[in-house]
Amino acid sequence: MRAIAISCLMILISWVWTPVAVALTQIKLSDLSYQECPPELAQGAVTSSGSGAANCFIVTGKAENSTYKTVYDADIYGRIYDANNDPILQNRTRLGSIAEVPPGVSDFELRISVPANQPLPLKLKQFKASGFSATVRR
């Protein structure tokens, strides 16, 4: 009898208090461009291995959140190629993140380091982002 009462109480509590659903939301990225980093950001840039010289760039664009809620922790994915169509970041498509994307269209920027021996101009392809309707990383 006690087990039934506890079960009923747990069901009642779950109806009253339910956690916020955290769903993955797609963010459209457009108007992509890049420029060299300002000198204070570019100083000492190296490749991910830490051994090669690198050029610093800021990728900018528009992020479109078509929902009515702010999206948090949106991961940015894309491919970046050099002038010879060689990939800049081997075996890696996650490029960074946007902390918050409000409803509507907003600006974003992302800092990348490119090995100094890869020829310009860069080609930005297949950029997209996805995030959550509530903060998930702390």
N, C-alpha and C. Protein backbone atom coordinates (compact mmCIF):
# COMPACT_ATOMS: atom_id res chain seq x y z
N MET A 1 0.82 -1.18 0.00
CA MET A 1 0.00 0.00 0.00
C MET A 1 0.88 1.26 0.00
N ARG A 2 1.94 1.23 0.81
CA ARG A 2 2.84 2.37 0.89
C ARG A 2 3.53 2.61 -0.47
N ALA A 3 3.90 1.53 -1.17
CA ALA A 3 4.55 1.66 -2.48
C ALA A 3 3.62 2.32 -3.48
N ILE A 4 2.34 1.99 -3.44
CA ILE A 4 1.36 2.59 -4.35
C ILE A 4 1.23 4.08 -4.06
N ALA A 5 1.18 4.45 -2.80
CA ALA A 5 1.05 5.85 -2.43
C ALA A 5 2.28 6.65 -2.89
N ILE A 6 3.45 6.08 -2.72
CA ILE A 6 4.68 6.76 -3.15
C ILE A 6 4.70 6.90 -4.67
N SER A 7 4.28 5.86 -5.38
CA SER A 7 4.23 5.91 -6.85
C SER A 7 3.27 7.00 -7.31
N CYS A 8 2.09 7.07 -6.69
CA CYS A 8 1.11 8.10 -7.06
C CYS A 8 1.66 9.50 -6.79
N LEU A 9 2.35 9.66 -5.68
CA LEU A 9 2.94 10.95 -5.33
C LEU A 9 4.01 11.35 -6.35
N MET A 10 4.83 10.41 -6.78
CA MET A 10 5.87 10.69 -7.77
C MET A 10 5.25 11.09 -9.11
N ILE A 11 4.17 10.42 -9.50
CA ILE A 11 3.49 10.76 -10.76
C ILE A 11 2.92 12.17 -10.67
N LEU A 12 2.30 12.49 -9.55
CA LEU A 12 1.72 13.82 -9.35
C LEU A 12 2.81 14.89 -9.41
N ILE A 13 3.93 14.65 -8.76
CA ILE A 13 5.04 15.61 -8.78
C ILE A 13 5.58 15.79 -10.20
N SER A 14 5.67 14.71 -10.97
CA SER A 14 6.19 14.81 -12.34
C SER A 14 5.26 15.61 -13.23
N TRP A 15 3.95 15.62 -12.95
CA TRP A 15 3.02 16.44 -13.73
C TRP A 15 3.18 17.92 -13.39
N VAL A 16 3.45 18.21 -12.14
CA VAL A 16 3.57 19.59 -11.69
C VAL A 16 4.93 20.17 -12.07
N TRP A 17 5.98 19.42 -11.88
CA TRP A 17 7.32 19.90 -12.16
C TRP A 17 7.93 19.05 -13.26
N THR A 18 8.14 19.65 -14.42
CA THR A 18 8.81 18.95 -15.51
C THR A 18 10.00 19.79 -15.95
N PRO A 19 11.10 19.16 -16.26
CA PRO A 19 12.27 19.92 -16.70
C PRO A 19 12.03 20.54 -18.07
N VAL A 20 12.74 21.61 -18.36
CA VAL A 20 12.64 22.28 -19.64
C VAL A 20 13.20 21.36 -20.73
N ALA A 21 12.45 21.23 -21.82
CA ALA A 21 12.93 20.42 -22.94
C ALA A 21 14.03 21.20 -23.67
N VAL A 22 15.12 20.56 -23.91
CA VAL A 22 16.23 21.19 -24.61
C VAL A 22 16.34 20.52 -25.97
N ALA A 23 15.97 21.28 -27.01
CA ALA A 23 15.96 20.72 -28.36
C ALA A 23 17.04 21.39 -29.20
N LEU A 24 17.61 20.64 -30.11
CA LEU A 24 18.61 21.17 -31.03
C LEU A 24 17.91 22.03 -32.08
N THR A 25 18.39 23.25 -32.27
CA THR A 25 17.79 24.19 -33.21
C THR A 25 18.81 24.54 -34.28
N GLN A 26 18.39 24.47 -35.54
CA GLN A 26 19.27 24.79 -36.66
C GLN A 26 19.33 26.30 -36.87
N ILE A 27 20.51 26.81 -37.15
CA ILE A 27 20.74 28.24 -37.40
C ILE A 27 21.33 28.36 -38.80
N LYS A 28 20.70 29.18 -39.65
CA LYS A 28 21.20 29.40 -41.00
C LYS A 28 22.28 30.49 -40.96
N LEU A 29 23.43 30.23 -41.57
CA LEU A 29 24.52 31.20 -41.65
C LEU A 29 24.65 31.70 -43.08
N SER A 30 24.76 33.01 -43.26
CA SER A 30 24.84 33.58 -44.61
C SER A 30 25.77 34.80 -44.60
N ASP A 31 25.94 35.40 -45.79
CA ASP A 31 26.78 36.59 -45.97
C ASP A 31 28.17 36.40 -45.36
N LEU A 32 28.77 35.25 -45.63
CA LEU A 32 30.08 34.92 -45.05
C LEU A 32 31.19 35.69 -45.74
N SER A 33 32.12 36.19 -44.95
CA SER A 33 33.32 36.82 -45.48
C SER A 33 34.41 36.68 -44.42
N TYR A 34 35.61 37.10 -44.77
CA TYR A 34 36.71 37.04 -43.79
C TYR A 34 37.65 38.21 -44.02
N GLN A 35 38.37 38.56 -42.99
CA GLN A 35 39.42 39.56 -43.08
C GLN A 35 40.52 39.18 -42.11
N GLU A 36 41.69 39.77 -42.32
CA GLU A 36 42.81 39.49 -41.42
C GLU A 36 42.51 40.04 -40.03
N CYS A 37 43.03 39.35 -39.03
CA CYS A 37 42.86 39.79 -37.64
C CYS A 37 43.61 41.09 -37.42
N PRO A 38 43.15 41.90 -36.48
CA PRO A 38 43.95 43.06 -36.10
C PRO A 38 45.27 42.59 -35.49
N PRO A 39 46.32 43.40 -35.56
CA PRO A 39 47.65 42.98 -35.09
C PRO A 39 47.68 42.41 -33.68
N GLU A 40 46.88 42.98 -32.76
CA GLU A 40 46.92 42.48 -31.38
C GLU A 40 46.38 41.06 -31.25
N LEU A 41 45.49 40.64 -32.15
CA LEU A 41 45.00 39.25 -32.13
C LEU A 41 45.91 38.31 -32.91
N ALA A 42 46.53 38.82 -33.97
CA ALA A 42 47.33 37.98 -34.85
C ALA A 42 48.72 37.68 -34.31
N GLN A 43 49.21 38.46 -33.39
CA GLN A 43 50.58 38.31 -32.89
C GLN A 43 50.78 36.92 -32.28
N GLY A 44 51.80 36.22 -32.78
CA GLY A 44 52.14 34.91 -32.24
C GLY A 44 51.24 33.77 -32.69
N ALA A 45 50.46 33.96 -33.75
CA ALA A 45 49.55 32.90 -34.22
C ALA A 45 50.35 31.69 -34.70
N VAL A 46 49.93 30.51 -34.26
CA VAL A 46 50.56 29.26 -34.67
C VAL A 46 49.46 28.27 -35.04
N THR A 47 49.84 27.20 -35.75
CA THR A 47 48.89 26.15 -36.11
C THR A 47 48.52 25.35 -34.87
N SER A 48 47.53 24.47 -35.01
CA SER A 48 47.05 23.70 -33.86
C SER A 48 48.14 22.81 -33.25
N SER A 49 49.12 22.42 -34.05
CA SER A 49 50.21 21.61 -33.51
C SER A 49 51.17 22.46 -32.67
N GLY A 50 51.08 23.79 -32.85
CA GLY A 50 51.93 24.69 -32.08
C GLY A 50 53.31 24.90 -32.67
N SER A 51 53.60 24.26 -33.81
CA SER A 51 54.95 24.34 -34.35
C SER A 51 55.06 25.17 -35.62
N GLY A 52 53.96 25.43 -36.31
CA GLY A 52 54.03 26.14 -37.58
C GLY A 52 53.46 27.54 -37.48
N ALA A 53 54.01 28.45 -38.28
CA ALA A 53 53.48 29.81 -38.33
C ALA A 53 52.10 29.80 -38.96
N ALA A 54 51.26 30.73 -38.53
CA ALA A 54 49.89 30.77 -39.04
C ALA A 54 49.46 32.21 -39.25
N ASN A 55 48.49 32.37 -40.14
CA ASN A 55 47.84 33.65 -40.35
C ASN A 55 46.51 33.63 -39.62
N CYS A 56 46.16 34.75 -39.02
CA CYS A 56 44.91 34.85 -38.25
C CYS A 56 43.86 35.56 -39.10
N PHE A 57 42.64 35.01 -39.11
CA PHE A 57 41.53 35.61 -39.83
C PHE A 57 40.29 35.62 -38.95
N ILE A 58 39.43 36.60 -39.20
CA ILE A 58 38.12 36.68 -38.55
C ILE A 58 37.08 36.41 -39.63
N VAL A 59 36.28 35.34 -39.45
CA VAL A 59 35.17 35.03 -40.35
C VAL A 59 33.94 35.73 -39.78
N THR A 60 33.23 36.47 -40.62
CA THR A 60 32.02 37.16 -40.19
C THR A 60 30.85 36.74 -41.06
N GLY A 61 29.65 36.95 -40.54
CA GLY A 61 28.45 36.62 -41.30
C GLY A 61 27.20 36.93 -40.52
N LYS A 62 26.08 36.47 -41.06
CA LYS A 62 24.77 36.64 -40.43
C LYS A 62 24.28 35.28 -39.96
N ALA A 63 23.71 35.25 -38.76
CA ALA A 63 23.11 34.04 -38.19
C ALA A 63 21.61 34.27 -38.10
N GLU A 64 20.82 33.38 -38.72
CA GLU A 64 19.37 33.54 -38.72
C GLU A 64 18.72 32.49 -37.83
N ASN A 65 18.13 32.96 -36.74
CA ASN A 65 17.38 32.11 -35.81
C ASN A 65 15.91 32.32 -36.12
N SER A 66 15.27 31.33 -36.75
CA SER A 66 13.88 31.47 -37.18
C SER A 66 12.88 31.09 -36.09
N THR A 67 13.35 30.81 -34.88
CA THR A 67 12.44 30.48 -33.79
C THR A 67 12.16 31.75 -32.99
N TYR A 68 11.29 31.66 -32.02
CA TYR A 68 10.96 32.81 -31.18
C TYR A 68 11.75 32.81 -29.87
N LYS A 69 12.69 31.86 -29.73
CA LYS A 69 13.49 31.77 -28.51
C LYS A 69 14.97 31.98 -28.84
N THR A 70 15.69 32.48 -27.86
CA THR A 70 17.14 32.60 -28.00
C THR A 70 17.76 31.20 -28.03
N VAL A 71 18.72 31.02 -28.92
CA VAL A 71 19.45 29.75 -29.02
C VAL A 71 20.81 29.94 -28.36
N TYR A 72 21.20 28.97 -27.54
CA TYR A 72 22.45 29.05 -26.78
C TYR A 72 23.46 28.01 -27.27
N ASP A 73 24.73 28.32 -27.08
CA ASP A 73 25.81 27.37 -27.37
C ASP A 73 25.69 26.78 -28.77
N ALA A 74 25.54 27.63 -29.78
CA ALA A 74 25.39 27.17 -31.16
C ALA A 74 26.77 26.83 -31.73
N ASP A 75 26.98 25.58 -32.06
CA ASP A 75 28.23 25.14 -32.67
C ASP A 75 28.22 25.50 -34.15
N ILE A 76 29.33 26.05 -34.64
CA ILE A 76 29.48 26.42 -36.04
C ILE A 76 30.25 25.32 -36.75
N TYR A 77 29.69 24.86 -37.87
CA TYR A 77 30.33 23.84 -38.70
C TYR A 77 30.53 24.40 -40.10
N GLY A 78 31.58 23.98 -40.76
CA GLY A 78 31.81 24.42 -42.12
C GLY A 78 33.14 23.89 -42.63
N ARG A 79 33.38 24.15 -43.88
CA ARG A 79 34.64 23.75 -44.51
C ARG A 79 35.31 24.99 -45.08
N ILE A 80 36.62 25.06 -44.90
CA ILE A 80 37.39 26.18 -45.41
C ILE A 80 38.50 25.62 -46.29
N TYR A 81 38.57 26.13 -47.52
CA TYR A 81 39.57 25.67 -48.49
C TYR A 81 40.47 26.83 -48.88
N ASP A 82 41.71 26.49 -49.31
CA ASP A 82 42.62 27.52 -49.79
C ASP A 82 42.41 27.72 -51.29
N ALA A 83 43.28 28.52 -51.93
CA ALA A 83 43.15 28.82 -53.35
C ALA A 83 43.28 27.58 -54.24
N ASN A 84 43.95 26.53 -53.75
CA ASN A 84 44.12 25.28 -54.51
C ASN A 84 43.04 24.25 -54.19
N ASN A 85 42.00 24.65 -53.47
CA ASN A 85 40.92 23.76 -53.01
C ASN A 85 41.39 22.70 -52.03
N ASP A 86 42.49 22.96 -51.34
CA ASP A 86 42.95 22.07 -50.28
C ASP A 86 42.30 22.52 -48.97
N PRO A 87 41.86 21.57 -48.14
CA PRO A 87 41.22 21.96 -46.87
C PRO A 87 42.21 22.63 -45.92
N ILE A 88 41.74 23.66 -45.25
CA ILE A 88 42.57 24.39 -44.27
C ILE A 88 42.69 23.57 -42.98
N LEU A 89 41.59 23.01 -42.53
CA LEU A 89 41.56 22.24 -41.28
C LEU A 89 41.25 20.79 -41.61
N GLN A 90 42.26 19.96 -41.65
CA GLN A 90 42.09 18.54 -41.99
C GLN A 90 41.21 17.84 -40.97
N ASN A 91 40.26 17.03 -41.45
CA ASN A 91 39.42 16.17 -40.60
C ASN A 91 38.70 16.94 -39.49
N ARG A 92 38.35 18.17 -39.76
CA ARG A 92 37.66 18.95 -38.72
C ARG A 92 36.66 19.88 -39.38
N THR A 93 35.38 19.75 -38.99
CA THR A 93 34.37 20.65 -39.53
C THR A 93 33.80 21.58 -38.46
N ARG A 94 33.97 21.25 -37.16
CA ARG A 94 33.50 22.17 -36.11
C ARG A 94 34.55 23.26 -35.98
N LEU A 95 34.11 24.49 -36.21
CA LEU A 95 35.04 25.61 -36.26
C LEU A 95 35.00 26.48 -35.02
N GLY A 96 33.90 26.45 -34.29
CA GLY A 96 33.76 27.30 -33.11
C GLY A 96 32.33 27.32 -32.65
N SER A 97 31.96 28.36 -31.92
CA SER A 97 30.58 28.44 -31.41
C SER A 97 30.15 29.89 -31.24
N ILE A 98 28.84 30.06 -31.13
CA ILE A 98 28.22 31.35 -30.83
C ILE A 98 27.51 31.17 -29.50
N ALA A 99 27.82 32.00 -28.52
CA ALA A 99 27.25 31.83 -27.18
C ALA A 99 25.73 31.99 -27.18
N GLU A 100 25.21 33.01 -27.85
CA GLU A 100 23.76 33.26 -27.89
C GLU A 100 23.37 33.79 -29.26
N VAL A 101 22.27 33.25 -29.82
CA VAL A 101 21.72 33.73 -31.07
C VAL A 101 20.27 34.14 -30.79
N PRO A 102 19.98 35.45 -30.75
CA PRO A 102 18.61 35.88 -30.47
C PRO A 102 17.70 35.60 -31.67
N PRO A 103 16.39 35.62 -31.48
CA PRO A 103 15.47 35.44 -32.61
C PRO A 103 15.74 36.49 -33.69
N GLY A 104 15.59 36.09 -34.95
CA GLY A 104 15.84 37.00 -36.06
C GLY A 104 17.24 36.82 -36.61
N VAL A 105 17.74 37.87 -37.27
CA VAL A 105 19.06 37.84 -37.91
C VAL A 105 20.03 38.67 -37.07
N SER A 106 21.19 38.10 -36.79
CA SER A 106 22.21 38.81 -36.02
C SER A 106 23.59 38.53 -36.61
N ASP A 107 24.54 39.38 -36.28
CA ASP A 107 25.92 39.22 -36.75
C ASP A 107 26.66 38.22 -35.87
N PHE A 108 27.63 37.53 -36.48
CA PHE A 108 28.52 36.68 -35.70
C PHE A 108 29.93 36.81 -36.26
N GLU A 109 30.90 36.43 -35.46
CA GLU A 109 32.29 36.38 -35.94
C GLU A 109 33.01 35.23 -35.27
N LEU A 110 34.02 34.74 -35.95
CA LEU A 110 34.75 33.55 -35.54
C LEU A 110 36.21 33.74 -35.92
N ARG A 111 37.11 33.50 -34.99
CA ARG A 111 38.55 33.62 -35.25
C ARG A 111 39.10 32.27 -35.68
N ILE A 112 39.88 32.25 -36.76
CA ILE A 112 40.53 31.01 -37.22
C ILE A 112 42.01 31.28 -37.47
N SER A 113 42.80 30.23 -37.34
CA SER A 113 44.23 30.28 -37.67
C SER A 113 44.46 29.37 -38.86
N VAL A 114 45.14 29.91 -39.87
CA VAL A 114 45.40 29.19 -41.12
C VAL A 114 46.90 29.06 -41.29
N PRO A 115 47.41 27.85 -41.57
CA PRO A 115 48.85 27.70 -41.80
C PRO A 115 49.35 28.73 -42.82
N ALA A 116 50.46 29.36 -42.51
CA ALA A 116 50.99 30.46 -43.33
C ALA A 116 51.35 30.03 -44.74
N ASN A 117 51.59 28.73 -44.96
CA ASN A 117 51.98 28.27 -46.30
C ASN A 117 50.79 27.97 -47.20
N GLN A 118 49.56 28.14 -46.74
CA GLN A 118 48.40 27.86 -47.59
C GLN A 118 48.00 29.13 -48.33
N PRO A 119 47.86 29.03 -49.67
CA PRO A 119 47.61 30.22 -50.49
C PRO A 119 46.19 30.76 -50.33
N LEU A 120 46.11 32.08 -50.44
CA LEU A 120 44.83 32.78 -50.39
C LEU A 120 44.31 32.98 -51.81
N PRO A 121 43.04 33.23 -52.03
CA PRO A 121 41.99 33.52 -51.07
C PRO A 121 41.40 32.24 -50.47
N LEU A 122 40.78 32.40 -49.32
CA LEU A 122 40.08 31.28 -48.67
C LEU A 122 38.69 31.14 -49.28
N LYS A 123 38.19 29.91 -49.26
CA LYS A 123 36.82 29.63 -49.72
C LYS A 123 36.05 29.06 -48.54
N LEU A 124 34.95 29.69 -48.19
CA LEU A 124 34.12 29.29 -47.05
C LEU A 124 32.92 28.52 -47.58
N LYS A 125 32.79 27.25 -47.22
CA LYS A 125 31.75 26.38 -47.79
C LYS A 125 30.96 25.67 -46.69
N GLN A 126 29.71 25.38 -46.99
CA GLN A 126 28.83 24.53 -46.17
C GLN A 126 28.77 24.97 -44.71
N PHE A 127 28.70 26.26 -44.47
CA PHE A 127 28.61 26.76 -43.09
C PHE A 127 27.19 26.61 -42.57
N LYS A 128 27.08 26.15 -41.34
CA LYS A 128 25.80 26.03 -40.65
C LYS A 128 26.08 26.02 -39.16
N ALA A 129 25.03 26.15 -38.38
CA ALA A 129 25.18 26.12 -36.92
C ALA A 129 23.96 25.46 -36.32
N SER A 130 24.13 24.93 -35.13
CA SER A 130 23.00 24.37 -34.37
C SER A 130 23.28 24.57 -32.89
N GLY A 131 22.21 24.88 -32.16
CA GLY A 131 22.34 25.14 -30.74
C GLY A 131 21.11 24.68 -29.99
N PHE A 132 20.98 25.13 -28.76
CA PHE A 132 19.94 24.63 -27.86
C PHE A 132 19.05 25.75 -27.36
N SER A 133 17.83 25.40 -26.97
CA SER A 133 16.87 26.39 -26.49
C SER A 133 17.10 26.75 -25.02
N ALA A 134 18.08 26.14 -24.39
CA ALA A 134 18.46 26.46 -23.01
C ALA A 134 19.96 26.25 -22.88
N THR A 135 20.58 26.91 -21.93
CA THR A 135 22.02 26.76 -21.71
C THR A 135 22.32 25.33 -21.27
N VAL A 136 23.27 24.67 -21.94
CA VAL A 136 23.61 23.30 -21.59
C VAL A 136 25.04 23.17 -21.08
N ARG A 137 25.91 24.11 -21.43
CA ARG A 137 27.31 24.07 -20.95
C ARG A 137 27.48 25.12 -19.88
N ARG A 138 28.21 24.81 -18.85
CA ARG A 138 28.44 25.80 -17.79
C ARG A 138 29.89 25.92 -17.49
